[in-house]
Amino acid sequence: MQELEKINEFSGILTFVSHQTHTISEILSRLNLEEKHFAILVNGHKVDLNTIVKDDDEITVLPKIAGG
């Protein structure tokens, strides 16, 4: 079984389900993503890098948008 299962990808928004316990920091590292470029939601709630994700939690990775 995969540790992270991608369940959706749409317009740069990635959604995964966790199958193990991780911190957000560990997940971003495994996905080779830098936190400064993304906002992270777990089960629909904004979280920080130290948040612990448990089995069956849904993780959404949203790209930050810059405007001018």
C-alpha atoms as a PDB file:
ATOM      1  CA  MET A   1       0.000   0.000   0.000  1.00  0.00           C
ATOM      2  CA  GLN A   2       1.205   3.507  -0.787  1.00  0.00           C
ATOM      3  CA  GLU A   3       1.918   5.923   2.052  1.00  0.00           C
ATOM      4  CA  LEU A   4       0.150   8.690   0.125  1.00  0.00           C
ATOM      5  CA  GLU A   5      -2.525   7.966  -2.448  1.00  0.00           C
ATOM      6  CA  LYS A   6      -3.235  10.731  -4.958  1.00  0.00           C
ATOM      7  CA  ILE A   7      -7.006  10.950  -5.329  1.00  0.00           C
ATOM      8  CA  ASN A   8      -7.327  14.138  -7.383  1.00  0.00           C
ATOM      9  CA  GLU A   9      -5.327  16.667  -9.375  1.00  0.00           C
ATOM     10  CA  PHE A  10      -7.052  19.677 -10.900  1.00  0.00           C
ATOM     11  CA  SER A  11      -5.591  23.047 -11.961  1.00  0.00           C
ATOM     12  CA  GLY A  12      -2.485  22.570  -9.820  1.00  0.00           C
ATOM     13  CA  ILE A  13      -4.466  21.502  -6.742  1.00  0.00           C
ATOM     14  CA  LEU A  14      -3.342  18.101  -5.466  1.00  0.00           C
ATOM     15  CA  THR A  15      -5.403  15.945  -3.121  1.00  0.00           C
ATOM     16  CA  PHE A  16      -4.035  12.890  -1.316  1.00  0.00           C
ATOM     17  CA  VAL A  17      -5.199  10.415   1.301  1.00  0.00           C
ATOM     18  CA  SER A  18      -2.633   9.401   3.905  1.00  0.00           C
ATOM     19  CA  HIS A  19      -2.193   5.731   4.765  1.00  0.00           C
ATOM     20  CA  GLN A  20       0.372   6.339   7.522  1.00  0.00           C
ATOM     21  CA  THR A  21       1.138   8.925  10.186  1.00  0.00           C
ATOM     22  CA  HIS A  22       3.321  11.834   8.954  1.00  0.00           C
ATOM     23  CA  THR A  23       3.867  15.510   9.599  1.00  0.00           C
ATOM     24  CA  ILE A  24       3.021  17.981   6.845  1.00  0.00           C
ATOM     25  CA  SER A  25       6.724  18.790   6.620  1.00  0.00           C
ATOM     26  CA  GLU A  26       7.536  15.121   5.896  1.00  0.00           C
ATOM     27  CA  ILE A  27       4.810  14.910   3.260  1.00  0.00           C
ATOM     28  CA  LEU A  28       6.007  18.028   1.432  1.00  0.00           C
ATOM     29  CA  SER A  29       9.558  16.698   1.507  1.00  0.00           C
ATOM     30  CA  ARG A  30       8.447  13.353   0.003  1.00  0.00           C
ATOM     31  CA  LEU A  31       6.553  15.229  -2.718  1.00  0.00           C
ATOM     32  CA  ASN A  32       9.602  17.461  -3.326  1.00  0.00           C
ATOM     33  CA  LEU A  33       7.537  20.621  -2.681  1.00  0.00           C
ATOM     34  CA  GLU A  34       8.585  23.796  -0.850  1.00  0.00           C
ATOM     35  CA  GLU A  35       6.106  25.032   1.771  1.00  0.00           C
ATOM     36  CA  LYS A  36       6.559  28.683   0.806  1.00  0.00           C
ATOM     37  CA  HIS A  37       4.813  27.973  -2.521  1.00  0.00           C
ATOM     38  CA  PHE A  38       1.781  26.116  -1.131  1.00  0.00           C
ATOM     39  CA  ALA A  39      -1.036  26.280   1.400  1.00  0.00           C
ATOM     40  CA  ILE A  40      -1.945  22.947   2.975  1.00  0.00           C
ATOM     41  CA  LEU A  41      -5.353  21.756   4.145  1.00  0.00           C
ATOM     42  CA  VAL A  42      -6.046  18.611   6.148  1.00  0.00           C
ATOM     43  CA  ASN A  43      -9.677  17.522   6.105  1.00  0.00           C
ATOM     44  CA  GLY A  44     -10.589  21.018   4.885  1.00  0.00           C
ATOM     45  CA  HIS A  45      -8.704  22.968   7.586  1.00  0.00           C
ATOM     46  CA  LYS A  46      -5.544  25.044   7.032  1.00  0.00           C
ATOM     47  CA  VAL A  47      -2.578  23.569   8.881  1.00  0.00           C
ATOM     48  CA  ASP A  48       1.108  24.268   9.544  1.00  0.00           C
ATOM     49  CA  LEU A  49       4.214  22.159   8.919  1.00  0.00           C
ATOM     50  CA  ASN A  50       4.105  20.503  12.349  1.00  0.00           C
ATOM     51  CA  THR A  51       0.572  19.153  11.955  1.00  0.00           C
ATOM     52  CA  ILE A  52       0.412  15.374  12.263  1.00  0.00           C
ATOM     53  CA  VAL A  53      -1.568  13.632   9.537  1.00  0.00           C
ATOM     54  CA  LYS A  54      -3.101  10.280  10.417  1.00  0.00           C
ATOM     55  CA  ASP A  55      -4.362   7.320   8.445  1.00  0.00           C
ATOM     56  CA  ASP A  56      -7.249   8.258   6.111  1.00  0.00           C
ATOM     57  CA  ASP A  57      -6.791  12.041   6.526  1.00  0.00           C
ATOM     58  CA  GLU A  58      -7.290  13.995   3.304  1.00  0.00           C
ATOM     59  CA  ILE A  59      -4.453  16.377   2.407  1.00  0.00           C
ATOM     60  CA  THR A  60      -5.001  19.155  -0.139  1.00  0.00           C
ATOM     61  CA  VAL A  61      -2.016  21.045  -1.542  1.00  0.00           C
ATOM     62  CA  LEU A  62      -2.990  24.463  -2.950  1.00  0.00           C
ATOM     63  CA  PRO A  63      -0.558  26.606  -4.931  1.00  0.00           C
ATOM     64  CA  LYS A  64      -0.211  30.135  -3.561  1.00  0.00           C
ATOM     65  CA  ILE A  65      -1.219  32.745  -6.122  1.00  0.00           C
ATOM     66  CA  ALA A  66       0.603  36.055  -6.497  1.00  0.00           C
ATOM     67  CA  GLY A  67      -1.002  39.019  -8.168  1.00  0.00           C
ATOM     68  CA  GLY A  68      -0.084  42.511  -8.982  1.00  0.00           C
END
